[in-house]
């Protein structure tokens, strides 16, 4: 399903790059870049792991 969503986003939206914190870029790298993380606000109160670190 993830591959289908990614293909749909790449084909239907004019983004030059897609980056999902915790999936394509580690949460710590995303935060260090000063980028907002809207996904974190929608998650239940769970410890965040830095995927990719």
Protein backbone atom coordinates (compact mmCIF):
# COMPACT_ATOMS: atom_id res chain seq x y z
CA UNK A 1 0.00 0.00 0.00
CA UNK A 2 2.87 2.38 0.81
CA UNK A 3 4.29 1.96 -2.70
CA UNK A 4 0.89 2.78 -4.20
CA UNK A 5 0.53 5.94 -2.09
CA UNK A 6 4.05 7.08 -2.97
CA UNK A 7 3.41 6.45 -6.69
CA UNK A 8 0.12 8.37 -6.48
CA UNK A 9 1.75 11.35 -4.76
CA UNK A 10 4.61 11.42 -7.26
CA UNK A 11 2.21 11.23 -10.20
CA UNK A 12 -0.64 13.44 -9.00
CA UNK A 13 1.15 16.22 -7.15
CA UNK A 14 3.79 18.66 -8.44
CA UNK A 15 6.26 18.12 -5.59
CA UNK A 16 9.93 18.09 -6.51
CA UNK A 17 10.75 15.85 -3.55
CA UNK A 18 8.82 13.83 -1.01
CA UNK A 19 10.16 13.34 2.50
CA UNK A 20 8.18 11.85 5.34
CA UNK A 21 9.83 12.22 8.74
CA UNK A 22 10.41 8.85 10.29
CA UNK A 23 10.09 7.09 6.94
CA UNK A 24 12.48 8.68 4.40
CA UNK A 25 14.43 10.88 6.81
CA UNK A 26 15.14 10.36 10.50
CA UNK A 27 13.04 12.41 12.93
CA UNK A 28 16.22 13.87 14.41
CA UNK A 29 17.49 15.03 10.99
CA UNK A 30 14.08 16.51 10.16
CA UNK A 31 13.99 18.41 13.44
CA UNK A 32 17.61 19.57 13.08
CA UNK A 33 16.71 21.05 9.69
CA UNK A 34 14.05 23.20 11.40
CA UNK A 35 11.21 21.69 9.37
CA UNK A 36 7.73 21.33 10.88
CA UNK A 37 6.57 17.83 11.74
CA UNK A 38 2.79 17.85 11.45
CA UNK A 39 2.71 14.06 11.75
CA UNK A 40 4.09 14.15 15.29
CA UNK A 41 1.11 16.23 16.40
CA UNK A 42 -1.32 13.57 15.18
CA UNK A 43 0.35 10.64 16.93
CA UNK A 44 -0.72 9.28 20.29
CA UNK A 45 1.59 9.96 23.20
CA UNK A 46 4.19 7.34 22.28
CA UNK A 47 7.96 7.54 22.42
CA UNK A 48 9.33 8.54 19.02
CA UNK A 49 12.16 6.46 17.66
CA UNK A 50 14.61 8.04 15.27
CA UNK A 51 14.17 5.79 12.27
CA UNK A 52 17.30 5.74 10.20
CA UNK A 53 19.61 6.88 12.99
